[in-house]
Amino acid sequence: MWLKAPNIRAVHGFSTRNGGVSSGAFASLNLGGSDDLPEQIAINRQRALTDLNLREQQLCLLRQVHGTKVCTARPGFQEGDALVSGEKDLVLAVSIADCYPLLFEDAVNGVIAAAHAGWRGTLGGIAAATIEQMCQQGAERKNIQIAIGQGISPNRFEVGPEVSQAFREAGFPSNCLIENRIDLIACNKHVLLQADIAGKNIWTMQRCTFENDFFSYRRDRGITGRMWGLISSI
């Protein structure tokens, strides 16, 4: 149900598609979207949170817009693509189905964050914007650990020439661009390094959402479930 990162101390996880009640294209642990039955999504969310001993009442979610807006977390929905909190008893979650989930933790100062990084957010520097907001809430860059979960791998992520050109013009190094394919892990690591995060503080899962354990919007041609990248300050 959940995959964990070795460098994050807080309660956290990257969900798989296993362990829920949904069926068909959404089988089985679908945690979002608008096409599955709402009652099944609700059961799946309760199962996923219970597995981590978390409460749904403290769940902070986003209406994600593939941008770079970072929100101070509060229970319920906000519009943006990253959540930051220095408070206790909150559960921060971002929804994914090819885009990358990034989890952040400064365990010393008690500041956490979660970000949703597709190519637009990555290009715009969502990871750096999240770090900046964490520091404004008391975090220190030297303490921040980042875990990058599952997402679409470069061999599955072919883009148009205008997208590749946008990354080149933004100064992303050559290892981020493989002909007409983009390595979003390498891109986000570049953004984090430019934001003065030590490379040793960045962990990557290195798993592709085209694998059977995951939902993939591109693989399933838009009819698929959603997974979460989640971190809690409890």
Protein backbone atom coordinates (compact mmCIF):
# COMPACT_ATOMS: atom_id res chain seq x y z
CA MET A 1 0.00 0.00 0.00
CA TRP A 2 2.76 2.47 0.94
CA LEU A 3 6.39 2.83 -0.11
CA LYS A 4 8.74 4.70 2.25
CA ALA A 5 11.89 6.81 1.95
CA PRO A 6 14.88 6.08 4.22
CA ASN A 7 15.75 9.74 4.80
CA ILE A 8 12.36 10.96 6.06
CA ARG A 9 11.68 10.55 9.79
CA ALA A 10 8.07 11.82 9.82
CA VAL A 11 5.12 9.57 9.10
CA HIS A 12 5.01 9.47 5.32
CA GLY A 13 4.53 7.33 2.26
CA PHE A 14 4.09 7.06 -1.49
CA SER A 15 0.97 5.02 -2.21
CA THR A 16 0.79 2.20 -4.75
CA ARG A 17 -2.39 1.08 -6.49
CA ASN A 18 -2.71 -1.98 -4.22
CA GLY A 19 -4.96 -2.52 -1.22
CA GLY A 20 -8.21 -0.76 -2.08
CA VAL A 21 -11.76 -1.52 -3.20
CA SER A 22 -12.04 0.20 -6.60
CA SER A 23 -12.39 -1.89 -9.74
CA GLY A 24 -11.66 -1.76 -13.45
CA ALA A 25 -9.29 1.00 -14.56
CA PHE A 26 -9.21 2.29 -10.98
CA ALA A 27 -8.30 -0.99 -9.28
CA SER A 28 -7.70 -0.93 -6.49
CA LEU A 29 -6.39 1.85 -4.19
CA ASN A 30 -7.58 4.86 -6.17
CA LEU A 31 -7.30 7.94 -3.94
CA GLY A 32 -8.76 10.60 -6.23
CA GLY A 33 -10.00 11.74 -9.60
CA SER A 34 -13.56 12.37 -10.74
CA ASP A 35 -14.42 9.20 -12.67
CA ASP A 36 -14.37 6.51 -9.96
CA LEU A 37 -17.29 6.06 -7.55
CA PRO A 38 -16.96 8.63 -4.74
CA GLU A 39 -17.87 6.08 -2.07
CA GLN A 40 -15.06 3.81 -3.21
CA ILE A 41 -12.54 6.66 -3.17
CA ALA A 42 -13.69 7.49 0.37
CA ILE A 43 -13.14 3.91 1.53
CA ASN A 44 -9.72 3.82 -0.14
CA ARG A 45 -8.65 7.05 1.54
CA GLN A 46 -9.77 5.80 4.93
CA ARG A 47 -7.85 2.54 4.45
CA ALA A 48 -4.72 4.37 3.34
CA LEU A 49 -4.78 6.81 6.25
CA THR A 50 -5.62 4.13 8.82
CA ASP A 51 -2.62 2.11 7.63
CA LEU A 52 -0.42 5.04 8.73
CA ASN A 53 -2.48 5.74 11.89
CA LEU A 54 -3.58 9.12 10.52
CA ARG A 55 -6.91 10.96 10.71
CA GLU A 56 -8.82 12.22 7.70
CA GLN A 57 -9.96 15.32 9.61
CA GLN A 58 -6.41 16.70 9.47
CA LEU A 59 -5.92 15.97 5.75
CA CYS A 60 -4.64 18.89 3.66
CA LEU A 61 -5.18 18.56 -0.10
CA LEU A 62 -4.78 20.63 -3.25
CA ARG A 63 -6.67 21.38 -6.41
CA GLN A 64 -3.53 21.02 -8.46
CA VAL A 65 -3.02 23.30 -11.45
CA HIS A 66 0.47 22.29 -12.66
CA GLY A 67 1.94 25.56 -11.45
CA THR A 68 4.32 26.78 -8.77
CA LYS A 69 2.02 28.13 -6.06
CA VAL A 70 3.01 27.00 -2.57
CA CYS A 71 0.28 27.04 0.11
CA THR A 72 0.53 27.06 3.87
CA ALA A 73 -1.24 23.83 4.77
CA ARG A 74 -4.67 23.74 6.38
CA PRO A 75 -7.30 20.98 6.46
CA GLY A 76 -9.42 20.76 3.34
CA PHE A 77 -8.67 21.90 -0.22
CA GLN A 78 -6.61 24.80 -1.54
CA GLU A 79 -5.49 25.62 -5.08
CA GLY A 80 -1.79 25.18 -5.80
CA ASP A 81 0.88 22.53 -6.21
CA ALA A 82 2.73 22.42 -2.89
CA LEU A 83 1.88 22.46 0.82
CA VAL A 84 4.13 23.58 3.69
CA SER A 85 3.55 23.33 7.43
CA GLY A 86 5.39 24.09 10.64
CA GLU A 87 2.40 23.04 12.74
CA LYS A 88 1.60 19.74 14.43
CA ASP A 89 -1.26 17.37 13.64
CA LEU A 90 -1.54 18.01 9.91
CA VAL A 91 -1.42 15.51 7.04
CA LEU A 92 -0.11 16.91 3.73
CA ALA A 93 -0.88 15.01 0.52
CA VAL A 94 -0.32 15.60 -3.18
CA SER A 95 -2.02 13.59 -5.92
CA ILE A 96 -0.08 11.97 -8.77
CA ALA A 97 -0.47 9.67 -11.76
CA ASP A 98 2.80 10.38 -13.69
CA CYS A 99 3.96 13.69 -12.19
CA TYR A 100 6.46 13.35 -9.36
CA PRO A 101 5.63 13.69 -5.66
CA LEU A 102 8.32 15.41 -3.57
CA LEU A 103 8.31 15.16 0.23
CA PHE A 104 10.39 17.54 2.34
CA GLU A 105 11.36 17.46 6.02
CA ASP A 106 13.43 19.60 8.36
CA ALA A 107 13.20 17.32 11.39
CA VAL A 108 15.26 19.72 13.52
CA ASN A 109 12.88 22.67 13.15
CA GLY A 110 9.68 20.71 12.60
CA VAL A 111 8.81 21.92 9.10
CA ILE A 112 7.45 19.60 6.42
CA ALA A 113 6.20 19.98 2.84
CA ALA A 114 4.79 18.06 -0.11
CA ALA A 115 4.95 19.14 -3.75
CA HIS A 116 3.48 17.96 -7.05
CA ALA A 117 6.02 18.32 -9.87
CA GLY A 118 4.95 17.74 -13.45
CA TRP A 119 6.99 19.21 -16.27
CA ARG A 120 5.43 22.66 -15.93
CA GLY A 121 5.98 22.82 -12.20
CA THR A 122 9.48 21.44 -12.56
CA LEU A 123 10.32 23.99 -15.25
CA GLY A 124 8.96 26.76 -13.03
CA GLY A 125 11.00 25.64 -10.02
CA ILE A 126 8.27 24.31 -7.72
CA ALA A 127 10.92 22.50 -5.65
CA ALA A 128 12.87 25.71 -5.02
CA ALA A 129 9.68 27.64 -4.23
CA THR A 130 8.78 24.99 -1.66
CA ILE A 131 12.22 25.23 -0.04
CA GLU A 132 11.87 29.02 0.16
CA GLN A 133 8.48 28.77 1.85
CA MET A 134 9.84 26.18 4.31
CA CYS A 135 12.64 28.56 5.27
CA GLN A 136 10.12 31.35 5.81
CA GLN A 137 8.40 29.03 8.30
CA GLY A 138 11.60 28.30 10.22
CA ALA A 139 13.38 25.56 8.28
CA GLU A 140 17.11 25.63 7.48
CA ARG A 141 18.40 24.43 4.13
CA LYS A 142 21.17 22.34 5.67
CA ASN A 143 18.58 20.26 7.54
CA ILE A 144 16.06 19.69 4.76
CA GLN A 145 15.74 16.13 3.49
CA ILE A 146 13.87 15.47 0.24
CA ALA A 147 12.36 12.25 -1.07
CA ILE A 148 11.28 12.01 -4.72
CA GLY A 149 8.75 9.24 -5.30
CA GLN A 150 7.50 7.40 -8.37
CA GLY A 151 6.85 9.21 -11.63
CA ILE A 152 7.12 8.84 -15.37
CA SER A 153 10.62 7.83 -16.45
CA PRO A 154 12.37 9.59 -19.35
CA ASN A 155 12.10 6.62 -21.70
CA ARG A 156 8.30 6.93 -21.37
CA PHE A 157 8.14 10.73 -21.40
CA GLU A 158 8.41 11.96 -24.95
CA VAL A 159 7.61 15.66 -25.39
CA GLY A 160 7.34 18.16 -28.20
CA PRO A 161 10.38 20.20 -29.30
CA GLU A 162 8.91 23.36 -27.77
CA VAL A 163 8.95 21.74 -24.31
CA SER A 164 12.55 20.57 -24.64
CA GLN A 165 13.53 24.02 -25.85
CA ALA A 166 11.85 25.64 -22.85
CA PHE A 167 14.00 23.53 -20.52
CA ARG A 168 17.15 24.39 -22.45
CA GLU A 169 16.35 28.09 -22.37
CA ALA A 170 15.75 27.85 -18.61
CA GLY A 171 19.31 26.56 -18.13
CA PHE A 172 18.68 22.90 -17.35
CA PRO A 173 21.85 20.84 -17.99
CA SER A 174 22.24 18.31 -20.77
CA ASN A 175 21.74 15.28 -18.48
CA CYS A 176 18.12 16.40 -18.00
CA LEU A 177 17.32 16.20 -21.72
CA ILE A 178 17.63 13.03 -23.76
CA GLU A 179 16.75 13.99 -27.35
CA ASN A 180 12.97 14.56 -27.16
CA ARG A 181 12.61 13.07 -23.68
CA ILE A 182 12.90 14.78 -20.29
CA ASP A 183 14.30 13.27 -17.10
CA LEU A 184 12.15 14.94 -14.47
CA ILE A 185 14.13 13.42 -11.59
CA ALA A 186 17.35 14.94 -12.91
CA CYS A 187 15.54 18.24 -13.49
CA ASN A 188 14.19 18.40 -9.95
CA LYS A 189 17.56 17.44 -8.48
CA HIS A 190 19.10 20.27 -10.49
CA VAL A 191 16.55 22.72 -9.08
CA LEU A 192 17.20 21.50 -5.53
CA LEU A 193 20.98 21.73 -5.89
CA GLN A 194 20.60 25.26 -7.24
CA ALA A 195 18.53 26.00 -4.13
CA ASP A 196 21.53 25.07 -1.94
CA ILE A 197 20.28 21.62 -0.91
CA ALA A 198 23.08 19.11 -0.46
CA GLY A 199 23.00 16.21 -2.89
CA LYS A 200 23.30 13.73 -0.01
CA ASN A 201 19.96 15.03 1.32
CA ILE A 202 18.05 14.00 -1.81
CA TRP A 203 16.67 10.45 -2.12
CA THR A 204 14.95 9.18 -5.27
CA MET A 205 12.79 6.08 -5.60
CA GLN A 206 13.74 5.54 -9.25
CA ARG A 207 10.51 3.77 -10.14
CA CYS A 208 8.31 4.51 -13.14
CA THR A 209 4.55 4.90 -13.02
CA PHE A 210 4.27 2.66 -16.10
CA GLU A 211 4.99 -0.26 -13.74
CA ASN A 212 2.00 -2.40 -12.79
CA ASP A 213 2.12 -1.29 -9.14
CA PHE A 214 1.13 2.26 -10.09
CA PHE A 215 -1.47 4.37 -11.87
CA SER A 216 -0.30 6.20 -15.00
CA TYR A 217 -2.28 8.86 -16.83
CA ARG A 218 -0.22 8.51 -20.00
CA ARG A 219 -0.08 4.71 -20.04
CA ASP A 220 -3.82 4.41 -19.39
CA ARG A 221 -4.77 7.23 -21.79
CA GLY A 222 -6.36 9.41 -19.16
CA ILE A 223 -8.63 6.82 -17.56
CA THR A 224 -6.83 5.87 -14.37
CA GLY A 225 -6.66 6.36 -10.62
CA ARG A 226 -4.57 8.64 -8.45
CA MET A 227 -1.87 7.99 -5.88
CA TRP A 228 -0.65 10.15 -3.03
CA GLY A 229 2.66 11.39 -1.79
CA LEU A 230 1.95 12.06 1.89
CA ILE A 231 3.79 13.39 4.93
CA SER A 232 2.49 14.19 8.41
CA SER A 233 3.66 16.44 11.21
CA ILE A 234 2.03 14.22 13.81
